[in-house]
Amino acid sequence: MNLPIDDEHAALFTVGQVAQMLDVQQAFLRRIDDHRVVSPRRSAGGQRRYSRHEIGRIQEVVSMMGEGMTLPAIRRIFELQHEVAELTRERDELARRLAGGSGPAT
């Protein structure tokens, strides 16, 4: 049986819980959301809810800021990481097709 806690992308944690877990201020979490660096989902009542994946990203943000990086720079790094992952996925799919592997036809 799969439980929400088993899904690293399930939005389960409140701002207060995440702030306490990571020893950061709630205002810091709101700021990185405002800068679209880590943007959690919202509950029906509009409250931020974080997943384990997002908590990991926040840990990366804290580390990068400790190295002197700005929030806009960190956001751009995350965007580029996402683009590289997409390009890698596309390359791997094309390589499978060229090798005669079965893949979805387009």
N, C-alpha and C. Protein backbone atom coordinates (compact mmCIF):
# COMPACT_ATOMS: atom_id res chain seq x y z
N MET A 1 0.85 -1.18 0.00
CA MET A 1 0.00 0.00 0.00
C MET A 1 0.89 1.25 0.00
N ASN A 2 0.62 2.17 -0.93
CA ASN A 2 1.39 3.41 -0.99
C ASN A 2 0.71 4.48 -0.14
N LEU A 3 1.46 5.04 0.77
CA LEU A 3 0.96 6.10 1.63
C LEU A 3 1.51 7.43 1.14
N PRO A 4 0.82 8.55 1.43
CA PRO A 4 1.35 9.86 1.01
C PRO A 4 2.78 10.10 1.50
N ILE A 5 3.11 9.61 2.68
CA ILE A 5 4.46 9.82 3.22
C ILE A 5 5.52 9.12 2.37
N ASP A 6 5.12 8.10 1.61
CA ASP A 6 6.05 7.38 0.74
C ASP A 6 6.36 8.16 -0.53
N ASP A 7 5.53 9.13 -0.87
CA ASP A 7 5.70 9.93 -2.09
C ASP A 7 6.51 11.18 -1.76
N GLU A 8 7.73 11.27 -2.32
CA GLU A 8 8.58 12.42 -1.99
C GLU A 8 8.03 13.74 -2.51
N HIS A 9 7.02 13.67 -3.38
CA HIS A 9 6.42 14.90 -3.92
C HIS A 9 5.09 15.24 -3.27
N ALA A 10 4.65 14.45 -2.28
CA ALA A 10 3.40 14.74 -1.58
C ALA A 10 3.61 15.94 -0.67
N ALA A 11 2.75 16.95 -0.81
CA ALA A 11 2.87 18.19 -0.04
C ALA A 11 2.24 17.98 1.34
N LEU A 12 3.08 17.65 2.31
CA LEU A 12 2.59 17.26 3.63
C LEU A 12 2.99 18.20 4.76
N PHE A 13 4.01 19.01 4.58
CA PHE A 13 4.60 19.74 5.70
C PHE A 13 4.28 21.23 5.64
N THR A 14 3.97 21.80 6.80
CA THR A 14 3.65 23.23 6.89
C THR A 14 4.93 24.06 6.95
N VAL A 15 4.77 25.36 6.80
CA VAL A 15 5.89 26.29 6.91
C VAL A 15 6.56 26.13 8.27
N GLY A 16 5.76 26.08 9.32
CA GLY A 16 6.31 25.96 10.67
C GLY A 16 7.09 24.68 10.86
N GLN A 17 6.58 23.58 10.34
CA GLN A 17 7.28 22.30 10.46
C GLN A 17 8.61 22.33 9.72
N VAL A 18 8.60 22.87 8.50
CA VAL A 18 9.83 22.92 7.70
C VAL A 18 10.85 23.85 8.35
N ALA A 19 10.39 25.00 8.82
CA ALA A 19 11.30 25.95 9.48
C ALA A 19 11.97 25.29 10.68
N GLN A 20 11.20 24.54 11.45
CA GLN A 20 11.76 23.87 12.62
C GLN A 20 12.72 22.75 12.20
N MET A 21 12.34 21.96 11.19
CA MET A 21 13.19 20.86 10.73
C MET A 21 14.55 21.35 10.27
N LEU A 22 14.54 22.46 9.52
CA LEU A 22 15.77 22.95 8.88
C LEU A 22 16.45 24.07 9.66
N ASP A 23 15.84 24.46 10.79
CA ASP A 23 16.38 25.53 11.61
C ASP A 23 16.55 26.82 10.80
N VAL A 24 15.48 27.18 10.09
CA VAL A 24 15.45 28.45 9.34
C VAL A 24 14.21 29.23 9.78
N GLN A 25 14.18 30.49 9.44
CA GLN A 25 13.04 31.33 9.77
C GLN A 25 11.91 31.10 8.77
N GLN A 26 10.67 31.22 9.24
CA GLN A 26 9.52 31.12 8.33
C GLN A 26 9.58 32.20 7.27
N ALA A 27 10.07 33.37 7.62
CA ALA A 27 10.20 34.47 6.65
C ALA A 27 11.15 34.08 5.52
N PHE A 28 12.19 33.32 5.83
CA PHE A 28 13.12 32.85 4.80
C PHE A 28 12.39 31.95 3.81
N LEU A 29 11.54 31.05 4.32
CA LEU A 29 10.78 30.16 3.43
C LEU A 29 9.83 30.95 2.55
N ARG A 30 9.21 31.97 3.10
CA ARG A 30 8.32 32.82 2.28
C ARG A 30 9.12 33.57 1.23
N ARG A 31 10.33 34.02 1.61
CA ARG A 31 11.17 34.76 0.67
C ARG A 31 11.61 33.90 -0.51
N ILE A 32 12.01 32.65 -0.25
CA ILE A 32 12.44 31.83 -1.38
C ILE A 32 11.24 31.43 -2.25
N ASP A 33 10.04 31.42 -1.68
CA ASP A 33 8.83 31.21 -2.49
C ASP A 33 8.56 32.46 -3.32
N ASP A 34 8.64 33.63 -2.70
CA ASP A 34 8.42 34.90 -3.43
C ASP A 34 9.38 35.04 -4.61
N HIS A 35 10.60 34.56 -4.45
CA HIS A 35 11.61 34.61 -5.51
C HIS A 35 11.50 33.42 -6.48
N ARG A 36 10.51 32.58 -6.27
CA ARG A 36 10.25 31.40 -7.12
C ARG A 36 11.46 30.46 -7.19
N VAL A 37 12.18 30.34 -6.07
CA VAL A 37 13.30 29.41 -6.00
C VAL A 37 12.77 28.04 -5.61
N VAL A 38 11.98 27.98 -4.55
CA VAL A 38 11.26 26.78 -4.15
C VAL A 38 9.84 27.23 -3.86
N SER A 39 8.91 26.77 -4.69
CA SER A 39 7.51 27.18 -4.56
C SER A 39 6.65 25.98 -4.19
N PRO A 40 6.27 25.90 -2.91
CA PRO A 40 5.45 24.78 -2.48
C PRO A 40 4.02 24.90 -2.98
N ARG A 41 3.31 23.80 -2.90
CA ARG A 41 1.88 23.83 -3.23
C ARG A 41 1.13 24.54 -2.11
N ARG A 42 -0.10 24.85 -2.38
CA ARG A 42 -0.95 25.51 -1.38
C ARG A 42 -2.08 24.58 -0.98
N SER A 43 -2.44 24.64 0.29
CA SER A 43 -3.59 23.87 0.77
C SER A 43 -4.86 24.56 0.29
N ALA A 44 -6.00 23.93 0.52
CA ALA A 44 -7.28 24.53 0.14
C ALA A 44 -7.45 25.89 0.79
N GLY A 45 -6.88 26.07 1.98
CA GLY A 45 -6.97 27.35 2.68
C GLY A 45 -5.88 28.34 2.30
N GLY A 46 -5.02 27.98 1.32
CA GLY A 46 -3.99 28.89 0.83
C GLY A 46 -2.68 28.82 1.58
N GLN A 47 -2.53 27.87 2.51
CA GLN A 47 -1.28 27.75 3.26
C GLN A 47 -0.26 26.92 2.47
N ARG A 48 1.00 27.32 2.60
CA ARG A 48 2.06 26.58 1.91
C ARG A 48 2.19 25.18 2.51
N ARG A 49 2.38 24.20 1.62
CA ARG A 49 2.61 22.81 2.03
C ARG A 49 3.81 22.29 1.24
N TYR A 50 4.81 21.79 1.97
CA TYR A 50 6.06 21.35 1.36
C TYR A 50 6.15 19.83 1.27
N SER A 51 6.78 19.36 0.22
CA SER A 51 7.06 17.93 0.06
C SER A 51 8.49 17.66 0.54
N ARG A 52 8.82 16.39 0.68
CA ARG A 52 10.20 16.02 1.04
C ARG A 52 11.17 16.49 -0.03
N HIS A 53 10.75 16.42 -1.30
CA HIS A 53 11.59 16.89 -2.40
C HIS A 53 11.90 18.38 -2.23
N GLU A 54 10.88 19.17 -1.93
CA GLU A 54 11.08 20.61 -1.76
C GLU A 54 11.94 20.91 -0.54
N ILE A 55 11.80 20.12 0.50
CA ILE A 55 12.64 20.31 1.68
C ILE A 55 14.11 20.08 1.31
N GLY A 56 14.36 19.08 0.49
CA GLY A 56 15.73 18.85 0.01
C GLY A 56 16.25 20.02 -0.79
N ARG A 57 15.38 20.61 -1.61
CA ARG A 57 15.77 21.78 -2.39
C ARG A 57 16.10 22.96 -1.48
N ILE A 58 15.30 23.12 -0.43
CA ILE A 58 15.56 24.22 0.51
C ILE A 58 16.92 24.03 1.17
N GLN A 59 17.26 22.79 1.50
CA GLN A 59 18.59 22.52 2.06
C GLN A 59 19.68 22.93 1.08
N GLU A 60 19.46 22.68 -0.21
CA GLU A 60 20.42 23.11 -1.24
C GLU A 60 20.52 24.63 -1.26
N VAL A 61 19.37 25.31 -1.17
CA VAL A 61 19.35 26.78 -1.17
C VAL A 61 20.17 27.32 -0.01
N VAL A 62 19.94 26.76 1.19
CA VAL A 62 20.67 27.21 2.38
C VAL A 62 22.18 27.05 2.16
N SER A 63 22.57 25.91 1.60
CA SER A 63 23.99 25.65 1.35
C SER A 63 24.56 26.64 0.33
N MET A 64 23.83 26.86 -0.77
CA MET A 64 24.32 27.79 -1.80
C MET A 64 24.41 29.22 -1.28
N MET A 65 23.41 29.61 -0.47
CA MET A 65 23.46 30.96 0.10
C MET A 65 24.65 31.09 1.05
N GLY A 66 24.98 30.00 1.73
CA GLY A 66 26.15 30.00 2.59
C GLY A 66 27.44 30.19 1.82
N GLU A 67 27.41 29.85 0.53
CA GLU A 67 28.56 30.05 -0.34
C GLU A 67 28.53 31.42 -1.01
N GLY A 68 27.53 32.24 -0.65
CA GLY A 68 27.47 33.61 -1.16
C GLY A 68 26.60 33.82 -2.38
N MET A 69 25.83 32.81 -2.79
CA MET A 69 24.98 32.96 -3.97
C MET A 69 23.68 33.69 -3.62
N THR A 70 23.17 34.43 -4.59
CA THR A 70 21.91 35.15 -4.41
C THR A 70 20.73 34.26 -4.81
N LEU A 71 19.55 34.64 -4.37
CA LEU A 71 18.36 33.86 -4.73
C LEU A 71 18.12 33.83 -6.24
N PRO A 72 18.26 34.95 -6.96
CA PRO A 72 18.10 34.86 -8.43
C PRO A 72 19.11 33.91 -9.07
N ALA A 73 20.34 33.90 -8.58
CA ALA A 73 21.36 32.99 -9.13
C ALA A 73 20.99 31.54 -8.84
N ILE A 74 20.50 31.27 -7.65
CA ILE A 74 20.11 29.91 -7.28
C ILE A 74 18.93 29.46 -8.13
N ARG A 75 17.95 30.36 -8.32
CA ARG A 75 16.80 30.02 -9.16
C ARG A 75 17.28 29.65 -10.57
N ARG A 76 18.22 30.41 -11.11
CA ARG A 76 18.73 30.13 -12.46
C ARG A 76 19.45 28.79 -12.49
N ILE A 77 20.21 28.48 -11.47
CA ILE A 77 20.88 27.17 -11.41
C ILE A 77 19.84 26.06 -11.43
N PHE A 78 18.78 26.18 -10.64
CA PHE A 78 17.74 25.17 -10.63
C PHE A 78 17.06 25.05 -12.00
N GLU A 79 16.82 26.19 -12.66
CA GLU A 79 16.22 26.16 -14.00
C GLU A 79 17.13 25.41 -14.97
N LEU A 80 18.42 25.71 -14.91
CA LEU A 80 19.38 25.05 -15.81
C LEU A 80 19.49 23.56 -15.51
N GLN A 81 19.46 23.19 -14.24
CA GLN A 81 19.48 21.77 -13.88
C GLN A 81 18.27 21.04 -14.48
N HIS A 82 17.11 21.70 -14.43
CA HIS A 82 15.90 21.11 -14.99
C HIS A 82 16.03 20.95 -16.51
N GLU A 83 16.56 21.99 -17.17
CA GLU A 83 16.74 21.93 -18.62
C GLU A 83 17.72 20.81 -19.01
N VAL A 84 18.80 20.66 -18.27
CA VAL A 84 19.77 19.60 -18.56
C VAL A 84 19.11 18.24 -18.38
N ALA A 85 18.32 18.08 -17.33
CA ALA A 85 17.63 16.80 -17.11
C ALA A 85 16.68 16.48 -18.25
N GLU A 86 15.95 17.48 -18.74
CA GLU A 86 15.04 17.28 -19.87
C GLU A 86 15.80 16.91 -21.14
N LEU A 87 16.88 17.62 -21.41
CA LEU A 87 17.69 17.32 -22.59
C LEU A 87 18.30 15.93 -22.51
N THR A 88 18.74 15.55 -21.34
CA THR A 88 19.30 14.21 -21.15
C THR A 88 18.24 13.15 -21.40
N ARG A 89 17.03 13.37 -20.90
CA ARG A 89 15.93 12.43 -21.12
C ARG A 89 15.63 12.32 -22.61
N GLU A 90 15.57 13.46 -23.31
CA GLU A 90 15.31 13.45 -24.76
C GLU A 90 16.43 12.73 -25.51
N ARG A 91 17.67 12.99 -25.14
CA ARG A 91 18.81 12.33 -25.79
C ARG A 91 18.74 10.82 -25.61
N ASP A 92 18.45 10.40 -24.38
CA ASP A 92 18.36 8.97 -24.10
C ASP A 92 17.24 8.31 -24.88
N GLU A 93 16.12 9.00 -25.03
CA GLU A 93 14.98 8.48 -25.80
C GLU A 93 15.38 8.34 -27.28
N LEU A 94 16.04 9.36 -27.81
CA LEU A 94 16.49 9.28 -29.21
C LEU A 94 17.51 8.17 -29.41
N ALA A 95 18.41 8.00 -28.46
CA ALA A 95 19.41 6.94 -28.56
C ALA A 95 18.74 5.57 -28.56
N ARG A 96 17.70 5.40 -27.74
CA ARG A 96 16.97 4.13 -27.73
C ARG A 96 16.32 3.88 -29.07
N ARG A 97 15.72 4.91 -29.65
CA ARG A 97 15.06 4.77 -30.95
C ARG A 97 16.07 4.41 -32.04
N LEU A 98 17.21 5.09 -32.04
CA LEU A 98 18.24 4.83 -33.05
C LEU A 98 18.83 3.44 -32.90
N ALA A 99 18.87 2.95 -31.69
CA ALA A 99 19.41 1.61 -31.45
C ALA A 99 18.38 0.52 -31.75
N GLY A 100 17.19 0.93 -32.18
CA GLY A 100 16.16 -0.04 -32.52
C GLY A 100 15.33 -0.50 -31.34
N GLY A 101 15.50 0.20 -30.22
CA GLY A 101 14.69 -0.13 -29.05
C GLY A 101 13.26 0.31 -29.25
N SER A 102 12.39 -0.27 -28.48
CA SER A 102 10.99 0.13 -28.58
C SER A 102 10.77 1.33 -27.70
N GLY A 103 10.19 2.32 -28.27
CA GLY A 103 9.84 3.54 -27.55
C GLY A 103 8.61 4.12 -28.14
N PRO A 104 8.04 5.10 -27.52
CA PRO A 104 6.83 5.70 -28.05
C PRO A 104 7.11 6.37 -29.40
N ALA A 105 6.27 6.11 -30.35
CA ALA A 105 6.43 6.70 -31.68
C ALA A 105 5.84 8.10 -31.68
N THR A 106 6.47 8.98 -32.45
CA THR A 106 5.93 10.34 -32.56
C THR A 106 5.62 10.65 -33.98
